[in-house]
N, C-alpha and C. Protein backbone atom coordinates (compact mmCIF):
# COMPACT_ATOMS: atom_id res chain seq x y z
N MET A 1 -25.83 10.39 -112.95
CA MET A 1 -26.50 10.51 -114.21
C MET A 1 -27.98 10.12 -114.12
N PRO A 2 -28.35 8.97 -113.48
CA PRO A 2 -29.78 8.65 -113.36
C PRO A 2 -30.55 9.71 -112.58
N LEU A 3 -29.91 10.32 -111.58
CA LEU A 3 -30.57 11.38 -110.82
C LEU A 3 -30.84 12.59 -111.69
N LEU A 4 -29.91 12.94 -112.55
CA LEU A 4 -30.08 14.07 -113.47
C LEU A 4 -31.23 13.80 -114.44
N VAL A 5 -31.27 12.60 -114.99
CA VAL A 5 -32.34 12.23 -115.93
C VAL A 5 -33.69 12.27 -115.22
N SER A 6 -33.76 11.72 -114.02
CA SER A 6 -35.02 11.73 -113.25
C SER A 6 -35.47 13.16 -112.96
N THR A 7 -34.51 14.01 -112.58
CA THR A 7 -34.84 15.40 -112.28
C THR A 7 -35.35 16.12 -113.52
N LEU A 8 -34.67 15.92 -114.65
CA LEU A 8 -35.10 16.56 -115.90
C LEU A 8 -36.48 16.07 -116.33
N LEU A 9 -36.75 14.79 -116.20
CA LEU A 9 -38.08 14.24 -116.55
C LEU A 9 -39.16 14.81 -115.63
N ALA A 10 -38.84 14.93 -114.37
CA ALA A 10 -39.82 15.49 -113.42
C ALA A 10 -40.11 16.95 -113.74
N LEU A 11 -39.06 17.71 -114.06
CA LEU A 11 -39.26 19.11 -114.41
C LEU A 11 -40.04 19.26 -115.71
N ALA A 12 -39.83 18.37 -116.64
CA ALA A 12 -40.55 18.42 -117.91
C ALA A 12 -42.02 18.09 -117.71
N ALA A 13 -42.33 17.27 -116.73
CA ALA A 13 -43.72 16.86 -116.49
C ALA A 13 -44.54 17.95 -115.81
N VAL A 14 -43.90 18.84 -115.07
CA VAL A 14 -44.63 19.89 -114.34
C VAL A 14 -45.45 20.78 -115.28
N PRO A 15 -44.88 21.32 -116.36
CA PRO A 15 -45.70 22.15 -117.25
C PRO A 15 -46.85 21.37 -117.87
N CYS A 16 -46.65 20.09 -118.16
CA CYS A 16 -47.72 19.27 -118.73
C CYS A 16 -48.87 19.11 -117.74
N ALA A 17 -48.54 18.84 -116.49
CA ALA A 17 -49.57 18.69 -115.47
C ALA A 17 -50.31 20.01 -115.27
N HIS A 18 -49.56 21.12 -115.29
CA HIS A 18 -50.18 22.43 -115.15
C HIS A 18 -51.11 22.73 -116.32
N ALA A 19 -50.68 22.38 -117.53
CA ALA A 19 -51.50 22.60 -118.72
C ALA A 19 -52.77 21.78 -118.65
N GLN A 20 -52.67 20.53 -118.16
CA GLN A 20 -53.86 19.69 -118.04
C GLN A 20 -54.82 20.29 -117.02
N GLY A 21 -54.31 20.84 -115.94
CA GLY A 21 -55.16 21.49 -114.94
C GLY A 21 -55.86 22.70 -115.53
N ASN A 22 -55.11 23.49 -116.31
CA ASN A 22 -55.71 24.66 -116.96
C ASN A 22 -56.78 24.24 -117.96
N ALA A 23 -56.55 23.14 -118.69
CA ALA A 23 -57.54 22.66 -119.65
C ALA A 23 -58.81 22.23 -118.94
N ALA A 24 -58.66 21.58 -117.79
CA ALA A 24 -59.84 21.17 -117.01
C ALA A 24 -60.58 22.39 -116.50
N ASP A 25 -59.83 23.39 -115.99
CA ASP A 25 -60.46 24.62 -115.53
C ASP A 25 -61.17 25.31 -116.68
N SER A 26 -60.53 25.36 -117.83
CA SER A 26 -61.10 26.00 -119.01
C SER A 26 -62.39 25.30 -119.44
N SER A 27 -62.39 23.98 -119.41
CA SER A 27 -63.61 23.23 -119.78
C SER A 27 -64.75 23.52 -118.82
N ALA A 28 -64.43 23.62 -117.55
CA ALA A 28 -65.46 23.93 -116.54
C ALA A 28 -66.02 25.33 -116.77
N VAL A 29 -65.14 26.29 -117.07
CA VAL A 29 -65.58 27.66 -117.35
C VAL A 29 -66.45 27.69 -118.60
N GLN A 30 -66.03 26.98 -119.64
CA GLN A 30 -66.81 26.94 -120.88
C GLN A 30 -68.21 26.40 -120.63
N ALA A 31 -68.31 25.30 -119.92
CA ALA A 31 -69.61 24.70 -119.63
C ALA A 31 -70.47 25.65 -118.79
N ASN A 32 -69.86 26.27 -117.79
CA ASN A 32 -70.58 27.20 -116.92
C ASN A 32 -71.13 28.39 -117.70
N LEU A 33 -70.31 28.97 -118.56
CA LEU A 33 -70.74 30.16 -119.31
C LEU A 33 -71.83 29.80 -120.33
N LYS A 34 -71.75 28.64 -120.94
CA LYS A 34 -72.82 28.21 -121.86
C LYS A 34 -74.14 28.06 -121.09
N GLN A 35 -74.07 27.49 -119.89
CA GLN A 35 -75.27 27.36 -119.06
C GLN A 35 -75.83 28.73 -118.70
N MET A 36 -74.93 29.68 -118.39
CA MET A 36 -75.38 31.03 -118.03
C MET A 36 -76.02 31.72 -119.23
N GLU A 37 -75.47 31.53 -120.42
CA GLU A 37 -76.06 32.11 -121.63
C GLU A 37 -77.46 31.53 -121.86
N ASP A 38 -77.61 30.22 -121.67
CA ASP A 38 -78.93 29.59 -121.84
C ASP A 38 -79.92 30.07 -120.78
N ALA A 39 -79.44 30.26 -119.55
CA ALA A 39 -80.31 30.78 -118.49
C ALA A 39 -80.75 32.21 -118.82
N TRP A 40 -79.87 32.99 -119.44
CA TRP A 40 -80.16 34.37 -119.82
C TRP A 40 -81.34 34.41 -120.80
N VAL A 41 -81.28 33.59 -121.87
CA VAL A 41 -82.39 33.63 -122.84
C VAL A 41 -83.67 33.06 -122.25
N LYS A 42 -83.54 32.09 -121.35
CA LYS A 42 -84.73 31.56 -120.67
C LYS A 42 -85.36 32.66 -119.82
N ALA A 43 -84.53 33.46 -119.16
CA ALA A 43 -85.04 34.57 -118.35
C ALA A 43 -85.75 35.60 -119.23
N LEU A 44 -85.27 35.81 -120.45
CA LEU A 44 -85.95 36.74 -121.37
C LEU A 44 -87.34 36.22 -121.74
N VAL A 45 -87.43 34.92 -122.00
CA VAL A 45 -88.73 34.32 -122.34
C VAL A 45 -89.69 34.45 -121.17
N ASN A 46 -89.18 34.21 -119.97
CA ASN A 46 -90.02 34.25 -118.76
C ASN A 46 -90.18 35.65 -118.18
N LYS A 47 -89.58 36.64 -118.83
CA LYS A 47 -89.61 38.02 -118.35
C LYS A 47 -89.13 38.11 -116.89
N ASP A 48 -88.07 37.36 -116.62
CA ASP A 48 -87.46 37.33 -115.29
C ASP A 48 -86.33 38.37 -115.24
N TYR A 49 -86.71 39.62 -114.96
CA TYR A 49 -85.76 40.73 -115.00
C TYR A 49 -84.67 40.60 -113.95
N ALA A 50 -85.02 40.03 -112.81
CA ALA A 50 -84.02 39.86 -111.75
C ALA A 50 -82.92 38.90 -112.21
N ALA A 51 -83.30 37.82 -112.89
CA ALA A 51 -82.31 36.86 -113.38
C ALA A 51 -81.41 37.51 -114.43
N VAL A 52 -81.99 38.32 -115.32
CA VAL A 52 -81.18 39.01 -116.32
C VAL A 52 -80.22 39.96 -115.62
N GLY A 53 -80.72 40.73 -114.68
CA GLY A 53 -79.88 41.68 -113.94
C GLY A 53 -78.77 41.01 -113.17
N ASN A 54 -78.99 39.78 -112.75
CA ASN A 54 -78.00 39.05 -111.96
C ASN A 54 -76.78 38.64 -112.79
N VAL A 55 -76.95 38.44 -114.10
CA VAL A 55 -75.81 38.02 -114.93
C VAL A 55 -75.10 39.20 -115.59
N ILE A 56 -75.65 40.40 -115.43
CA ILE A 56 -75.08 41.60 -116.03
C ILE A 56 -74.31 42.37 -114.96
N ALA A 57 -73.08 42.72 -115.28
CA ALA A 57 -72.26 43.50 -114.33
C ALA A 57 -72.79 44.93 -114.24
N ASP A 58 -72.58 45.56 -113.10
CA ASP A 58 -73.03 46.95 -112.91
C ASP A 58 -72.36 47.90 -113.89
N ASP A 59 -71.13 47.58 -114.32
CA ASP A 59 -70.42 48.44 -115.27
C ASP A 59 -70.52 47.93 -116.71
N PHE A 60 -71.58 47.17 -116.99
CA PHE A 60 -71.84 46.61 -118.32
C PHE A 60 -71.86 47.71 -119.39
N ALA A 61 -71.33 47.37 -120.57
CA ALA A 61 -71.40 48.24 -121.74
C ALA A 61 -71.72 47.36 -122.94
N GLY A 62 -72.77 47.70 -123.66
CA GLY A 62 -73.15 46.87 -124.80
C GLY A 62 -73.79 47.65 -125.91
N PHE A 63 -74.11 46.93 -126.98
CA PHE A 63 -74.83 47.49 -128.13
C PHE A 63 -75.99 46.57 -128.45
N ASN A 64 -77.17 47.17 -128.62
CA ASN A 64 -78.34 46.37 -129.00
C ASN A 64 -78.35 46.18 -130.52
N PRO A 65 -79.30 45.41 -131.06
CA PRO A 65 -79.32 45.15 -132.49
C PRO A 65 -79.46 46.40 -133.37
N GLU A 66 -79.97 47.48 -132.81
CA GLU A 66 -80.09 48.73 -133.57
C GLU A 66 -78.82 49.58 -133.49
N GLY A 67 -77.82 49.09 -132.77
CA GLY A 67 -76.56 49.80 -132.65
C GLY A 67 -76.53 50.83 -131.53
N LYS A 68 -77.54 50.83 -130.68
CA LYS A 68 -77.61 51.78 -129.56
C LYS A 68 -76.74 51.26 -128.40
N HIS A 69 -75.91 52.16 -127.86
CA HIS A 69 -75.08 51.83 -126.70
C HIS A 69 -75.98 51.67 -125.49
N LEU A 70 -75.73 50.63 -124.70
CA LEU A 70 -76.55 50.36 -123.52
C LEU A 70 -75.69 50.15 -122.27
N THR A 71 -76.14 50.75 -121.18
CA THR A 71 -75.59 50.46 -119.86
C THR A 71 -76.49 49.39 -119.24
N LYS A 72 -76.14 48.92 -118.06
CA LYS A 72 -76.99 47.92 -117.40
C LYS A 72 -78.41 48.43 -117.18
N PRO A 73 -78.59 49.63 -116.61
CA PRO A 73 -79.98 50.10 -116.42
C PRO A 73 -80.75 50.23 -117.74
N GLN A 74 -80.07 50.66 -118.79
CA GLN A 74 -80.75 50.81 -120.08
C GLN A 74 -81.13 49.44 -120.65
N LEU A 75 -80.25 48.46 -120.52
CA LEU A 75 -80.57 47.12 -121.00
C LEU A 75 -81.76 46.55 -120.24
N LEU A 76 -81.76 46.71 -118.93
CA LEU A 76 -82.87 46.19 -118.13
C LEU A 76 -84.17 46.91 -118.47
N ASP A 77 -84.10 48.21 -118.75
CA ASP A 77 -85.30 48.93 -119.19
C ASP A 77 -85.83 48.37 -120.51
N GLU A 78 -84.92 48.08 -121.44
CA GLU A 78 -85.35 47.49 -122.71
C GLU A 78 -86.03 46.15 -122.49
N VAL A 79 -85.47 45.34 -121.61
CA VAL A 79 -86.05 44.03 -121.33
C VAL A 79 -87.43 44.20 -120.69
N LYS A 80 -87.54 45.09 -119.73
CA LYS A 80 -88.82 45.31 -119.03
C LYS A 80 -89.90 45.86 -119.96
N ASN A 81 -89.50 46.71 -120.90
CA ASN A 81 -90.47 47.37 -121.77
C ASN A 81 -90.63 46.69 -123.13
N GLU A 82 -90.11 45.49 -123.28
CA GLU A 82 -90.23 44.76 -124.54
C GLU A 82 -91.71 44.53 -124.85
N PRO A 83 -92.20 45.07 -125.97
CA PRO A 83 -93.64 44.93 -126.28
C PRO A 83 -94.00 43.56 -126.83
N ASN A 84 -93.00 42.80 -127.29
CA ASN A 84 -93.27 41.48 -127.85
C ASN A 84 -93.27 40.42 -126.76
N THR A 85 -93.95 39.32 -127.03
CA THR A 85 -94.00 38.19 -126.12
C THR A 85 -93.26 37.03 -126.75
N LEU A 86 -92.22 36.56 -126.08
CA LEU A 86 -91.46 35.43 -126.60
C LEU A 86 -92.07 34.11 -126.15
N SER A 87 -92.19 33.18 -127.08
CA SER A 87 -92.62 31.84 -126.72
C SER A 87 -91.42 30.91 -126.57
N SER A 88 -90.30 31.27 -127.25
CA SER A 88 -89.07 30.49 -127.10
C SER A 88 -87.88 31.34 -127.53
N ALA A 89 -86.73 30.98 -127.01
CA ALA A 89 -85.45 31.57 -127.41
C ALA A 89 -84.40 30.48 -127.21
N THR A 90 -83.65 30.22 -128.26
CA THR A 90 -82.68 29.13 -128.22
C THR A 90 -81.32 29.61 -128.70
N ASN A 91 -80.29 29.30 -127.92
CA ASN A 91 -78.91 29.60 -128.33
C ASN A 91 -78.36 28.43 -129.13
N ASP A 92 -77.57 28.77 -130.14
CA ASP A 92 -76.88 27.75 -130.95
C ASP A 92 -75.46 28.21 -131.23
N ASP A 93 -74.65 27.28 -131.66
CA ASP A 93 -73.29 27.57 -132.13
C ASP A 93 -72.48 28.40 -131.14
N MET A 94 -72.67 28.14 -129.85
CA MET A 94 -71.90 28.91 -128.86
C MET A 94 -70.44 28.47 -128.88
N ASP A 95 -69.56 29.46 -128.89
CA ASP A 95 -68.13 29.23 -128.92
C ASP A 95 -67.52 30.05 -127.78
N VAL A 96 -66.87 29.37 -126.86
CA VAL A 96 -66.30 30.02 -125.69
C VAL A 96 -64.78 30.06 -125.83
N HIS A 97 -64.21 31.24 -125.59
CA HIS A 97 -62.76 31.40 -125.55
C HIS A 97 -62.39 31.92 -124.17
N VAL A 98 -61.57 31.16 -123.47
CA VAL A 98 -61.12 31.55 -122.14
C VAL A 98 -59.74 32.18 -122.29
N TYR A 99 -59.63 33.43 -121.86
CA TYR A 99 -58.39 34.18 -122.04
C TYR A 99 -57.52 34.23 -120.80
N GLY A 100 -58.04 33.79 -119.69
CA GLY A 100 -57.31 33.80 -118.44
C GLY A 100 -58.20 33.21 -117.38
N PRO A 101 -57.76 33.24 -116.14
CA PRO A 101 -58.57 32.62 -115.09
C PRO A 101 -59.90 33.33 -114.85
N ASN A 102 -60.04 34.59 -115.31
CA ASN A 102 -61.28 35.30 -115.00
C ASN A 102 -61.86 36.11 -116.17
N VAL A 103 -61.42 35.83 -117.41
CA VAL A 103 -61.95 36.55 -118.57
C VAL A 103 -62.23 35.57 -119.69
N ALA A 104 -63.39 35.70 -120.31
CA ALA A 104 -63.76 34.83 -121.43
C ALA A 104 -64.76 35.54 -122.32
N THR A 105 -64.84 35.09 -123.56
CA THR A 105 -65.89 35.55 -124.47
C THR A 105 -66.73 34.36 -124.88
N VAL A 106 -68.00 34.64 -125.14
CA VAL A 106 -68.90 33.64 -125.69
C VAL A 106 -69.56 34.28 -126.89
N SER A 107 -69.49 33.62 -128.03
CA SER A 107 -70.19 34.10 -129.22
C SER A 107 -71.16 33.01 -129.65
N GLY A 108 -72.22 33.43 -130.34
CA GLY A 108 -73.19 32.45 -130.77
C GLY A 108 -74.34 33.09 -131.51
N THR A 109 -75.38 32.30 -131.69
CA THR A 109 -76.60 32.76 -132.33
C THR A 109 -77.77 32.46 -131.41
N THR A 110 -78.79 33.28 -131.51
CA THR A 110 -80.03 33.06 -130.77
C THR A 110 -81.19 33.19 -131.73
N THR A 111 -82.12 32.26 -131.65
CA THR A 111 -83.35 32.32 -132.43
C THR A 111 -84.50 32.52 -131.47
N GLU A 112 -85.26 33.59 -131.70
CA GLU A 112 -86.43 33.90 -130.87
C GLU A 112 -87.69 33.69 -131.69
N LYS A 113 -88.70 33.13 -131.03
CA LYS A 113 -90.02 33.00 -131.64
C LYS A 113 -91.02 33.61 -130.69
N GLY A 114 -92.04 34.25 -131.25
CA GLY A 114 -93.05 34.86 -130.40
C GLY A 114 -94.09 35.61 -131.18
N LYS A 115 -94.77 36.50 -130.46
CA LYS A 115 -95.81 37.35 -131.04
C LYS A 115 -95.47 38.80 -130.79
N GLY A 116 -95.65 39.61 -131.83
CA GLY A 116 -95.46 41.04 -131.68
C GLY A 116 -96.64 41.66 -130.98
N LYS A 117 -96.52 42.93 -130.62
CA LYS A 117 -97.63 43.61 -129.94
C LYS A 117 -98.86 43.68 -130.84
N ASP A 118 -98.64 43.51 -132.17
CA ASP A 118 -99.75 43.49 -133.12
C ASP A 118 -100.40 42.11 -133.22
N GLY A 119 -99.86 41.12 -132.49
CA GLY A 119 -100.42 39.78 -132.50
C GLY A 119 -99.85 38.87 -133.58
N LYS A 120 -98.99 39.40 -134.43
CA LYS A 120 -98.41 38.60 -135.51
C LYS A 120 -97.23 37.77 -134.99
N GLN A 121 -97.15 36.54 -135.49
CA GLN A 121 -96.05 35.65 -135.13
C GLN A 121 -94.75 36.13 -135.78
N PHE A 122 -93.64 35.92 -135.11
CA PHE A 122 -92.34 36.25 -135.69
C PHE A 122 -91.30 35.22 -135.28
N THR A 123 -90.27 35.14 -136.09
CA THR A 123 -89.05 34.39 -135.79
C THR A 123 -87.90 35.31 -136.13
N ARG A 124 -87.02 35.53 -135.17
CA ARG A 124 -85.87 36.41 -135.37
C ARG A 124 -84.61 35.67 -134.95
N SER A 125 -83.54 35.96 -135.65
CA SER A 125 -82.24 35.38 -135.30
C SER A 125 -81.23 36.50 -135.09
N TYR A 126 -80.38 36.28 -134.10
CA TYR A 126 -79.34 37.25 -133.76
C TYR A 126 -77.99 36.56 -133.69
N VAL A 127 -76.95 37.30 -134.00
CA VAL A 127 -75.58 36.87 -133.72
C VAL A 127 -75.06 37.81 -132.63
N TRP A 128 -74.22 37.30 -131.76
CA TRP A 128 -73.79 38.11 -130.63
C TRP A 128 -72.44 37.63 -130.11
N VAL A 129 -71.82 38.50 -129.35
CA VAL A 129 -70.62 38.14 -128.59
C VAL A 129 -70.72 38.82 -127.23
N ASP A 130 -70.50 38.04 -126.19
CA ASP A 130 -70.52 38.54 -124.81
C ASP A 130 -69.13 38.37 -124.21
N THR A 131 -68.72 39.36 -123.46
CA THR A 131 -67.46 39.27 -122.71
C THR A 131 -67.82 39.08 -121.24
N TRP A 132 -67.26 38.06 -120.64
CA TRP A 132 -67.54 37.70 -119.26
C TRP A 132 -66.29 37.88 -118.41
N MET A 133 -66.53 38.27 -117.15
CA MET A 133 -65.43 38.40 -116.19
C MET A 133 -65.90 37.83 -114.86
N GLU A 134 -65.00 37.10 -114.23
CA GLU A 134 -65.28 36.58 -112.90
C GLU A 134 -64.71 37.55 -111.88
N ARG A 135 -65.60 38.03 -111.03
CA ARG A 135 -65.20 38.94 -109.95
C ARG A 135 -65.75 38.40 -108.64
N ASN A 136 -64.90 38.29 -107.67
CA ASN A 136 -65.33 37.80 -106.34
C ASN A 136 -66.07 36.48 -106.44
N GLY A 137 -65.58 35.59 -107.33
CA GLY A 137 -66.17 34.26 -107.47
C GLY A 137 -67.44 34.19 -108.29
N LYS A 138 -67.83 35.30 -108.92
CA LYS A 138 -69.09 35.33 -109.68
C LYS A 138 -68.82 35.80 -111.11
N TRP A 139 -69.25 35.00 -112.09
CA TRP A 139 -69.13 35.39 -113.49
C TRP A 139 -70.26 36.32 -113.86
N GLN A 140 -69.93 37.43 -114.53
CA GLN A 140 -70.93 38.38 -115.02
C GLN A 140 -70.53 38.87 -116.40
N CYS A 141 -71.55 39.19 -117.19
CA CYS A 141 -71.30 39.75 -118.52
C CYS A 141 -70.95 41.22 -118.36
N ILE A 142 -69.77 41.61 -118.88
CA ILE A 142 -69.34 43.00 -118.77
C ILE A 142 -69.53 43.77 -120.07
N ALA A 143 -69.70 43.04 -121.20
CA ALA A 143 -69.87 43.71 -122.49
C ALA A 143 -70.58 42.77 -123.45
N GLU A 144 -71.35 43.38 -124.36
CA GLU A 144 -72.11 42.58 -125.32
C GLU A 144 -72.31 43.37 -126.59
N GLY A 145 -72.26 42.67 -127.70
CA GLY A 145 -72.63 43.24 -128.99
C GLY A 145 -73.59 42.28 -129.66
N VAL A 146 -74.72 42.79 -130.14
CA VAL A 146 -75.75 41.96 -130.77
C VAL A 146 -76.17 42.59 -132.08
N MET A 147 -76.40 41.74 -133.08
CA MET A 147 -77.01 42.24 -134.30
C MET A 147 -77.94 41.18 -134.86
N GLU A 148 -78.98 41.65 -135.51
CA GLU A 148 -79.94 40.72 -136.10
C GLU A 148 -79.31 40.10 -137.34
N SER A 149 -79.53 38.79 -137.49
CA SER A 149 -79.01 38.09 -138.66
C SER A 149 -79.86 38.44 -139.87
N ARG A 150 -79.22 38.54 -140.99
CA ARG A 150 -79.95 38.76 -142.22
C ARG A 150 -80.69 37.50 -142.60
N LYS A 151 -81.84 37.67 -143.17
CA LYS A 151 -82.62 36.53 -143.61
C LYS A 151 -81.91 35.87 -144.80
N LYS A 152 -81.95 34.55 -144.81
CA LYS A 152 -81.34 33.82 -145.91
C LYS A 152 -82.24 33.93 -147.14
N LYS A 153 -81.63 34.11 -148.30
CA LYS A 153 -82.41 34.25 -149.54
C LYS A 153 -82.74 32.92 -150.13
């Protein structure tokens, strides 16, 4: 009887230990993806096209704030040809959902400040959701949807 109880307790503990391991892995993925999102907006401010291209998968599919479908080359062209100059871009309210060992979404808001090509100052806010996939040990954004936030009245 004591052997049966010990065996049952040990078997009951295995799923708990596995769940704790998954939670730790999930927390690490969440932190990593938030850092990657922050690096992405920093790269936009610095006009670092190589850094932007590095986080975007070759088979990326997204929508820009105007609702235009974008592939990776089209997104990079938009970044390269951006007529405005950003002085800052900050992510807020990032929420990461890990769906498996190699798939996650990150949603959040970004506030950009800068000057338009006309020299006028602007502040813009966007809401977005990015889908990330880890392939060959590297996380990349495979899909994105962005829209400009409406101004508060």
